[in-house]
Amino acid sequence: MKGPLFTGRPLSQNIYMALSYSDAKRIAITDYLSRLGFEPARVRGNDYWYRSPFRSERDASFKVNVKLNLWYDHGEGVGGTLLDLGQRLHSCTIKEFVSRLDDGKFLRDFTPRRSNSEPAENRVEILSTGPLLDEGLLNYISQRKIDTKLAQASCQEVDFRIAQRNYKAVGFQNLSGGYELRNSWFKGSSSPKDITLIETGAKSLIVTEGFFDYLSLQQLNDSQVQKELAASDKLILNSISFIRKSLPMIKNYPIKLLFLDNDQAADKAKAFLHASNIDFIDRSGLYAKHKDVNELLTRSSLDHATSNRKRSKRL
């Protein structure tokens, strides 16, 4: 690991005055993370994917776009500039963060860009939506062990554009008209980002983090889960950070069943509900050895296939 980004003392007044907030925001977030000992798990074009520095996780859900020099944590639905990241990581104010930035080689090697305008953000632009028919997307869904007809009933095929390049993804619409977008290499969303609520007038509410968990629940070979699904409305958060926004809605249901991920972000969400005097049934024990419901489904399918192969060999 490289040396710490922070020294044990504030920067001198001259150095602090030389480094403006605007200059600090232009320090490469990837360099900053590297100084803290974080390296990307994978790189796809301009996107560097890390295991989140905010919590322990198996899959990389923390993205840094090196062209925009912005980060986004898909696990919590938050993001921003280097200043926002430093403020969160070190529990300090932005002023304190800038004043404590390392005054060694890290800053001496940094030459801020003095352009009159910042590069425009590469936003997701929805081009069209329609029935889910693309062979590549259907194959991706099958790899996640989701039945094709089930996915087609809940999702759409979405054509979208990023930086003048066109792509396709499985789209799951939220209450505000935005889409969660997934394919074999992309995990993102279009604006506006929001929750998805499927209402049937039930008094029970099932809460999942993502739509693949919602689809996976419908395929589990578990009679109790199927009874719960039939008797419940469904809230798909599309980001664990929306648990706060959803609190008034959740309160309206006498019975709340949570199928959240087995990670720290979900633990914080449950702690928030407890602190808000919300009683709920935690169903994560169903997949205690797995990250989420979809991983339980995919591993169960794999185990079943392996057992069938062994049985065939014995015969």
Foldseek 3Di string as FASTA:
>chain_A
DAAAQFDPDFDDPVVLVVQDPLLVLQQQVQVNVVNVPWAFPDDDVQKGFTCDPVWDDDDTQWIARRLQQKIARQQAGDIGTPLVVQCVNVVHHSSVSSRGGHPPPSVVPRDGDDDPDGDDAFAKAWDDKAFPDDPQQLVQCVLLVFDSVLLRVAWIWIWIDTPRDIDIFTWGAAPVGKTFGDGPPDGDIHPPDFKHKADDPALEEEEEAAVSLVRLLCVDPDPVSVVNVVRYIYIHGSYLNCLVVCVVVLVSHPEYEYQYFPIDSVVVSVVVCVVVVHDYHYPVVVVVVDGGSSRVSSVVVVVVVVVVVVVVVVD
